[in-house]
PDB file of N, CA and C in Angstrom:
ATOM      1  N   UNK A   1       0.822  -1.196   0.000  1.00  0.00           N
ATOM      2  CA  UNK A   1       0.000   0.000   0.000  1.00  0.00           C
ATOM      3  C   UNK A   1       0.868   1.262   0.000  1.00  0.00           C
ATOM      4  N   UNK A   2       1.973   1.197   0.744  1.00  0.00           N
ATOM      5  CA  UNK A   2       2.860   2.355   0.802  1.00  0.00           C
ATOM      6  C   UNK A   2       3.317   2.739  -0.609  1.00  0.00           C
ATOM      7  N   UNK A   3       3.737   1.739  -1.369  1.00  0.00           N
ATOM      8  CA  UNK A   3       4.236   1.991  -2.721  1.00  0.00           C
ATOM      9  C   UNK A   3       3.125   2.536  -3.630  1.00  0.00           C
ATOM     10  N   UNK A   4       1.899   2.033  -3.463  1.00  0.00           N
ATOM     11  CA  UNK A   4       0.786   2.514  -4.285  1.00  0.00           C
ATOM     12  C   UNK A   4       0.476   3.980  -4.003  1.00  0.00           C
ATOM     13  N   UNK A   5       0.530   4.370  -2.738  1.00  0.00           N
ATOM     14  CA  UNK A   5       0.294   5.773  -2.387  1.00  0.00           C
ATOM     15  C   UNK A   5       1.368   6.652  -3.012  1.00  0.00           C
ATOM     16  N   UNK A   6       2.611   6.233  -2.888  1.00  0.00           N
ATOM     17  CA  UNK A   6       3.714   7.004  -3.468  1.00  0.00           C
ATOM     18  C   UNK A   6       3.578   7.097  -4.989  1.00  0.00           C
ATOM     19  N   UNK A   7       3.225   5.988  -5.623  1.00  0.00           N
ATOM     20  CA  UNK A   7       3.069   5.961  -7.073  1.00  0.00           C
ATOM     21  C   UNK A   7       1.913   6.851  -7.529  1.00  0.00           C
ATOM     22  N   UNK A   8       0.819   6.797  -6.801  1.00  0.00           N
ATOM     23  CA  UNK A   8      -0.361   7.588  -7.155  1.00  0.00           C
ATOM     24  C   UNK A   8      -0.062   9.089  -7.104  1.00  0.00           C
ATOM     25  N   UNK A   9       0.791   9.501  -6.202  1.00  0.00           N
ATOM     26  CA  UNK A   9       1.091  10.927  -6.010  1.00  0.00           C
ATOM     27  C   UNK A   9       2.390  11.356  -6.683  1.00  0.00           C
ATOM     28  N   UNK A  10       2.975  10.494  -7.475  1.00  0.00           N
ATOM     29  CA  UNK A  10       4.302  10.754  -8.038  1.00  0.00           C
ATOM     30  C   UNK A  10       4.369  12.065  -8.822  1.00  0.00           C
ATOM     31  N   UNK A  11       3.423  12.311  -9.713  1.00  0.00           N
ATOM     32  CA  UNK A  11       3.460  13.499 -10.573  1.00  0.00           C
ATOM     33  C   UNK A  11       2.649  14.667 -10.025  1.00  0.00           C
ATOM     34  N   UNK A  12       2.099  14.524  -8.833  1.00  0.00           N
ATOM     35  CA  UNK A  12       1.288  15.581  -8.250  1.00  0.00           C
ATOM     36  C   UNK A  12       2.194  16.663  -7.657  1.00  0.00           C
ATOM     37  N   UNK A  13       1.931  17.921  -7.957  1.00  0.00           N
ATOM     38  CA  UNK A  13       2.763  18.993  -7.396  1.00  0.00           C
ATOM     39  C   UNK A  13       2.696  19.026  -5.867  1.00  0.00           C
ATOM     40  N   UNK A  14       3.787  19.436  -5.269  1.00  0.00           N
ATOM     41  CA  UNK A  14       3.897  19.484  -3.813  1.00  0.00           C
ATOM     42  C   UNK A  14       2.814  20.353  -3.187  1.00  0.00           C
ATOM     43  N   UNK A  15       2.434  21.425  -3.848  1.00  0.00           N
ATOM     44  CA  UNK A  15       1.427  22.326  -3.287  1.00  0.00           C
ATOM     45  C   UNK A  15       0.049  21.672  -3.207  1.00  0.00           C
ATOM     46  N   UNK A  16      -0.226  20.705  -4.070  1.00  0.00           N
ATOM     47  CA  UNK A  16      -1.508  20.012  -4.027  1.00  0.00           C
ATOM     48  C   UNK A  16      -1.532  18.912  -2.978  1.00  0.00           C
ATOM     49  N   UNK A  17      -0.369  18.419  -2.599  1.00  0.00           N
ATOM     50  CA  UNK A  17      -0.311  17.313  -1.651  1.00  0.00           C
ATOM     51  C   UNK A  17      -0.426  17.760  -0.202  1.00  0.00           C
ATOM     52  N   UNK A  18       0.087  18.914   0.108  1.00  0.00           N
ATOM     53  CA  UNK A  18       0.059  19.330   1.514  1.00  0.00           C
ATOM     54  C   UNK A  18      -0.337  20.800   1.615  1.00  0.00           C
ATOM     55  N   UNK A  19      -1.235  21.046   2.534  1.00  0.00           N
ATOM     56  CA  UNK A  19      -1.682  22.399   2.818  1.00  0.00           C
ATOM     57  C   UNK A  19      -1.402  22.655   4.290  1.00  0.00           C
ATOM     58  N   UNK A  20      -0.397  23.411   4.563  1.00  0.00           N
ATOM     59  CA  UNK A  20       0.038  23.619   5.947  1.00  0.00           C
ATOM     60  C   UNK A  20      -0.425  24.956   6.514  1.00  0.00           C
ATOM     61  N   UNK A  21      -1.398  25.585   5.888  1.00  0.00           N
ATOM     62  CA  UNK A  21      -1.895  26.866   6.401  1.00  0.00           C
ATOM     63  C   UNK A  21      -2.520  26.713   7.785  1.00  0.00           C
ATOM     64  N   UNK A  22      -3.148  25.590   8.043  1.00  0.00           N
ATOM     65  CA  UNK A  22      -3.791  25.371   9.342  1.00  0.00           C
ATOM     66  C   UNK A  22      -2.786  24.977  10.426  1.00  0.00           C
ATOM     67  N   UNK A  23      -1.553  24.650  10.020  1.00  0.00           N
ATOM     68  CA  UNK A  23      -0.517  24.239  10.973  1.00  0.00           C
ATOM     69  C   UNK A  23       0.609  25.271  10.949  1.00  0.00           C
ATOM     70  N   UNK A  24       0.451  26.305  11.737  1.00  0.00           N
ATOM     71  CA  UNK A  24       1.417  27.406  11.730  1.00  0.00           C
ATOM     72  C   UNK A  24       2.801  26.970  12.224  1.00  0.00           C
ATOM     73  N   UNK A  25       2.871  25.922  13.008  1.00  0.00           N
ATOM     74  CA  UNK A  25       4.146  25.457  13.554  1.00  0.00           C
ATOM     75  C   UNK A  25       4.950  24.647  12.533  1.00  0.00           C
ATOM     76  N   UNK A  26       4.291  24.225  11.464  1.00  0.00           N
ATOM     77  CA  UNK A  26       4.938  23.364  10.481  1.00  0.00           C
ATOM     78  C   UNK A  26       5.637  24.205   9.415  1.00  0.00           C
ATOM     79  N   UNK A  27       6.756  23.731   8.956  1.00  0.00           N
ATOM     80  CA  UNK A  27       7.533  24.404   7.919  1.00  0.00           C
ATOM     81  C   UNK A  27       6.833  24.222   6.565  1.00  0.00           C
ATOM     82  N   UNK A  28       6.379  25.292   5.935  1.00  0.00           N
ATOM     83  CA  UNK A  28       5.654  25.160   4.658  1.00  0.00           C
ATOM     84  C   UNK A  28       6.534  24.661   3.510  1.00  0.00           C
ATOM     85  N   UNK A  29       7.855  24.750   3.646  1.00  0.00           N
ATOM     86  CA  UNK A  29       8.754  24.313   2.583  1.00  0.00           C
ATOM     87  C   UNK A  29       9.149  22.844   2.695  1.00  0.00           C
ATOM     88  N   UNK A  30       8.715  22.199   3.776  1.00  0.00           N
ATOM     89  CA  UNK A  30       9.062  20.789   3.982  1.00  0.00           C
ATOM     90  C   UNK A  30       8.352  19.934   2.944  1.00  0.00           C
ATOM     91  N   UNK A  31       9.006  18.881   2.502  1.00  0.00           N
ATOM     92  CA  UNK A  31       8.395  18.009   1.495  1.00  0.00           C
ATOM     93  C   UNK A  31       7.173  17.316   2.081  1.00  0.00           C
ATOM     94  N   UNK A  32       6.209  16.940   1.250  1.00  0.00           N
ATOM     95  CA  UNK A  32       5.002  16.270   1.740  1.00  0.00           C
ATOM     96  C   UNK A  32       5.325  14.914   2.361  1.00  0.00           C
ATOM     97  N   UNK A  33       4.721  14.634   3.480  1.00  0.00           N
ATOM     98  CA  UNK A  33       4.918  13.348   4.134  1.00  0.00           C
ATOM     99  C   UNK A  33       4.016  12.298   3.490  1.00  0.00           C
ATOM    100  N   UNK A  34       4.201  11.058   3.898  1.00  0.00           N
ATOM    101  CA  UNK A  34       3.347   9.992   3.389  1.00  0.00           C
ATOM    102  C   UNK A  34       1.904  10.225   3.840  1.00  0.00           C
ATOM    103  N   UNK A  35       1.731  10.722   5.055  1.00  0.00           N
ATOM    104  CA  UNK A  35       0.384  11.031   5.558  1.00  0.00           C
ATOM    105  C   UNK A  35      -0.260  12.131   4.717  1.00  0.00           C
ATOM    106  N   UNK A  36       0.517  13.134   4.310  1.00  0.00           N
ATOM    107  CA  UNK A  36      -0.011  14.184   3.432  1.00  0.00           C
ATOM    108  C   UNK A  36      -0.491  13.586   2.108  1.00  0.00           C
ATOM    109  N   UNK A  37       0.264  12.645   1.598  1.00  0.00           N
ATOM    110  CA  UNK A  37      -0.106  11.993   0.336  1.00  0.00           C
ATOM    111  C   UNK A  37      -1.390  11.174   0.501  1.00  0.00           C
ATOM    112  N   UNK A  38      -1.512  10.451   1.613  1.00  0.00           N
ATOM    113  CA  UNK A  38      -2.735   9.676   1.869  1.00  0.00           C
ATOM    114  C   UNK A  38      -3.939  10.593   2.012  1.00  0.00           C
ATOM    115  N   UNK A  39      -3.769  11.696   2.732  1.00  0.00           N
ATOM    116  CA  UNK A  39      -4.870  12.655   2.902  1.00  0.00           C
ATOM    117  C   UNK A  39      -5.306  13.230   1.558  1.00  0.00           C
ATOM    118  N   UNK A  40      -4.353  13.494   0.700  1.00  0.00           N
ATOM    119  CA  UNK A  40      -4.665  14.042  -0.622  1.00  0.00           C
ATOM    120  C   UNK A  40      -5.510  13.055  -1.425  1.00  0.00           C
ATOM    121  N   UNK A  41      -5.139  11.786  -1.393  1.00  0.00           N
ATOM    122  CA  UNK A  41      -5.898  10.761  -2.108  1.00  0.00           C
ATOM    123  C   UNK A  41      -7.300  10.639  -1.508  1.00  0.00           C
ATOM    124  N   UNK A  42      -7.395  10.629  -0.194  1.00  0.00           N
ATOM    125  CA  UNK A  42      -8.699  10.529   0.475  1.00  0.00           C
ATOM    126  C   UNK A  42      -9.579  11.714   0.121  1.00  0.00           C
ATOM    127  N   UNK A  43      -8.991  12.897   0.114  1.00  0.00           N
ATOM    128  CA  UNK A  43      -9.743  14.114  -0.209  1.00  0.00           C
ATOM    129  C   UNK A  43     -10.280  14.043  -1.634  1.00  0.00           C
ATOM    130  N   UNK A  44      -9.454  13.584  -2.570  1.00  0.00           N
ATOM    131  CA  UNK A  44      -9.887  13.479  -3.962  1.00  0.00           C
ATOM    132  C   UNK A  44     -11.019  12.468  -4.119  1.00  0.00           C
ATOM    133  N   UNK A  45     -10.917  11.334  -3.432  1.00  0.00           N
ATOM    134  CA  UNK A  45     -11.957  10.310  -3.526  1.00  0.00           C
ATOM    135  C   UNK A  45     -13.277  10.812  -2.944  1.00  0.00           C
ATOM    136  N   UNK A  46     -13.219  11.451  -1.780  1.00  0.00           N
ATOM    137  CA  UNK A  46     -14.437  11.975  -1.171  1.00  0.00           C
ATOM    138  C   UNK A  46     -15.050  13.076  -2.024  1.00  0.00           C
ATOM    139  N   UNK A  47     -14.202  13.931  -2.580  1.00  0.00           N
ATOM    140  CA  UNK A  47     -14.698  15.028  -3.409  1.00  0.00           C
ATOM    141  C   UNK A  47     -15.440  14.480  -4.626  1.00  0.00           C
ATOM    142  N   UNK A  48     -14.896  13.458  -5.262  1.00  0.00           N
ATOM    143  CA  UNK A  48     -15.562  12.865  -6.430  1.00  0.00           C
ATOM    144  C   UNK A  48     -16.909  12.272  -6.045  1.00  0.00           C
ATOM    145  N   UNK A  49     -16.964  11.612  -4.875  1.00  0.00           N
ATOM    146  CA  UNK A  49     -18.230  11.012  -4.444  1.00  0.00           C
ATOM    147  C   UNK A  49     -19.274  12.077  -4.149  1.00  0.00           C
ATOM    148  N   UNK A  50     -18.879  13.136  -3.453  1.00  0.00           N
ATOM    149  CA  UNK A  50     -19.831  14.194  -3.120  1.00  0.00           C
ATOM    150  C   UNK A  50     -20.297  14.945  -4.357  1.00  0.00           C
ATOM    151  N   UNK A  51     -19.376  15.269  -5.242  1.00  0.00           N
ATOM    152  CA  UNK A  51     -19.739  16.039  -6.426  1.00  0.00           C
ATOM    153  C   UNK A  51     -20.559  15.225  -7.415  1.00  0.00           C
ATOM    154  N   UNK A  52     -20.428  13.900  -7.377  1.00  0.00           N
ATOM    155  CA  UNK A  52     -21.202  13.054  -8.285  1.00  0.00           C
ATOM    156  C   UNK A  52     -22.698  13.107  -7.969  1.00  0.00           C
ATOM    157  N   UNK A  53     -23.049  13.308  -6.713  1.00  0.00           N
ATOM    158  CA  UNK A  53     -24.461  13.327  -6.324  1.00  0.00           C
ATOM    159  C   UNK A  53     -24.998  14.746  -6.165  1.00  0.00           C
ATOM    160  N   UNK A  54     -24.182  15.730  -6.443  1.00  0.00           N
ATOM    161  CA  UNK A  54     -24.600  17.118  -6.303  1.00  0.00           C
ATOM    162  C   UNK A  54     -25.633  17.469  -7.380  1.00  0.00           C
ATOM    163  N   UNK A  55     -26.782  17.963  -6.969  1.00  0.00           N
ATOM    164  CA  UNK A  55     -27.821  18.279  -7.960  1.00  0.00           C
ATOM    165  C   UNK A  55     -27.466  19.523  -8.774  1.00  0.00           C
ATOM    166  N   UNK A  56     -28.033  19.614  -9.962  1.00  0.00           N
ATOM    167  CA  UNK A  56     -27.855  20.797 -10.805  1.00  0.00           C
ATOM    168  C   UNK A  56     -28.852  21.862 -10.356  1.00  0.00           C
ATOM    169  N   UNK A  57     -28.402  22.725  -9.471  1.00  0.00           N
ATOM    170  CA  UNK A  57     -29.248  23.788  -8.939  1.00  0.00           C
ATOM    171  C   UNK A  57     -28.552  25.125  -9.118  1.00  0.00           C
ATOM    172  N   UNK A  58     -29.285  26.216  -8.963  1.00  0.00           N
ATOM    173  CA  UNK A  58     -28.651  27.535  -9.055  1.00  0.00           C
ATOM    174  C   UNK A  58     -27.586  27.762  -7.975  1.00  0.00           C
ATOM    175  N   UNK A  59     -27.700  27.051  -6.839  1.00  0.00           N
ATOM    176  CA  UNK A  59     -26.738  27.223  -5.741  1.00  0.00           C
ATOM    177  C   UNK A  59     -25.603  26.217  -5.794  1.00  0.00           C
ATOM    178  N   UNK A  60     -25.341  25.645  -6.939  1.00  0.00           N
ATOM    179  CA  UNK A  60     -24.311  24.613  -7.071  1.00  0.00           C
ATOM    180  C   UNK A  60     -22.948  25.112  -6.583  1.00  0.00           C
ATOM    181  N   UNK A  61     -22.608  26.353  -6.885  1.00  0.00           N
ATOM    182  CA  UNK A  61     -21.328  26.909  -6.456  1.00  0.00           C
ATOM    183  C   UNK A  61     -21.241  26.968  -4.931  1.00  0.00           C
ATOM    184  N   UNK A  62     -22.352  27.320  -4.307  1.00  0.00           N
ATOM    185  CA  UNK A  62     -22.400  27.376  -2.849  1.00  0.00           C
ATOM    186  C   UNK A  62     -22.205  25.979  -2.251  1.00  0.00           C
ATOM    187  N   UNK A  63     -22.862  24.973  -2.849  1.00  0.00           N
ATOM    188  CA  UNK A  63     -22.688  23.601  -2.383  1.00  0.00           C
ATOM    189  C   UNK A  63     -21.243  23.145  -2.537  1.00  0.00           C
ATOM    190  N   UNK A  64     -20.633  23.485  -3.656  1.00  0.00           N
ATOM    191  CA  UNK A  64     -19.239  23.093  -3.894  1.00  0.00           C
ATOM    192  C   UNK A  64     -18.310  23.690  -2.840  1.00  0.00           C
ATOM    193  N   UNK A  65     -18.526  24.942  -2.479  1.00  0.00           N
ATOM    194  CA  UNK A  65     -17.660  25.558  -1.469  1.00  0.00           C
ATOM    195  C   UNK A  65     -17.898  24.944  -0.102  1.00  0.00           C
ATOM    196  N   UNK A  66     -19.148  24.582   0.205  1.00  0.00           N
ATOM    197  CA  UNK A  66     -19.436  23.919   1.479  1.00  0.00           C
ATOM    198  C   UNK A  66     -18.790  22.531   1.534  1.00  0.00           C
ATOM    199  N   UNK A  67     -18.842  21.813   0.438  1.00  0.00           N
ATOM    200  CA  UNK A  67     -18.210  20.490   0.380  1.00  0.00           C
ATOM    201  C   UNK A  67     -16.699  20.624   0.546  1.00  0.00           C
ATOM    202  N   UNK A  68     -16.115  21.619  -0.101  1.00  0.00           N
ATOM    203  CA  UNK A  68     -14.672  21.827   0.029  1.00  0.00           C
ATOM    204  C   UNK A  68     -14.264  22.132   1.456  1.00  0.00           C
ATOM    205  N   UNK A  69     -15.035  22.963   2.144  1.00  0.00           N
ATOM    206  CA  UNK A  69     -14.698  23.276   3.529  1.00  0.00           C
ATOM    207  C   UNK A  69     -14.912  22.059   4.427  1.00  0.00           C
ATOM    208  N   UNK A  70     -15.910  21.242   4.142  1.00  0.00           N
ATOM    209  CA  UNK A  70     -16.134  20.020   4.896  1.00  0.00           C
ATOM    210  C   UNK A  70     -14.969  19.060   4.729  1.00  0.00           C
ATOM    211  N   UNK A  71     -14.503  18.896   3.499  1.00  0.00           N
ATOM    212  CA  UNK A  71     -13.383  17.986   3.245  1.00  0.00           C
ATOM    213  C   UNK A  71     -12.107  18.473   3.913  1.00  0.00           C
ATOM    214  N   UNK A  72     -11.910  19.767   3.987  1.00  0.00           N
ATOM    215  CA  UNK A  72     -10.720  20.286   4.650  1.00  0.00           C
ATOM    216  C   UNK A  72     -10.731  19.993   6.143  1.00  0.00           C
ATOM    217  N   UNK A  73     -11.918  19.885   6.722  1.00  0.00           N
ATOM    218  CA  UNK A  73     -12.026  19.581   8.148  1.00  0.00           C
ATOM    219  C   UNK A  73     -11.821  18.109   8.446  1.00  0.00           C
ATOM    220  N   UNK A  74     -12.305  17.238   7.580  1.00  0.00           N
ATOM    221  CA  UNK A  74     -12.316  15.815   7.923  1.00  0.00           C
ATOM    222  C   UNK A  74     -11.083  15.050   7.492  1.00  0.00           C
ATOM    223  N   UNK A  75     -10.293  15.537   6.599  1.00  0.00           N
ATOM    224  CA  UNK A  75      -9.159  14.747   6.115  1.00  0.00           C
ATOM    225  C   UNK A  75      -7.858  15.365   6.556  1.00  0.00           C
TER     226      UNK A  75
END
């Protein structure tokens, strides 16, 4: 599994793998950890599942931003 996570994130830019804005004590220039890579994969999978069932409504943009903030909290 370790190798699959690394392989899946191989070509992903570092900025997409780790978001350290919520962790002020962490060095933002540090390379992404394996946990950062796993969180990125989990976030992408959850986002696809949520967006797949999102109805076509006038407030779709609002729903998308709410889903994004929810995913940032849980992963």
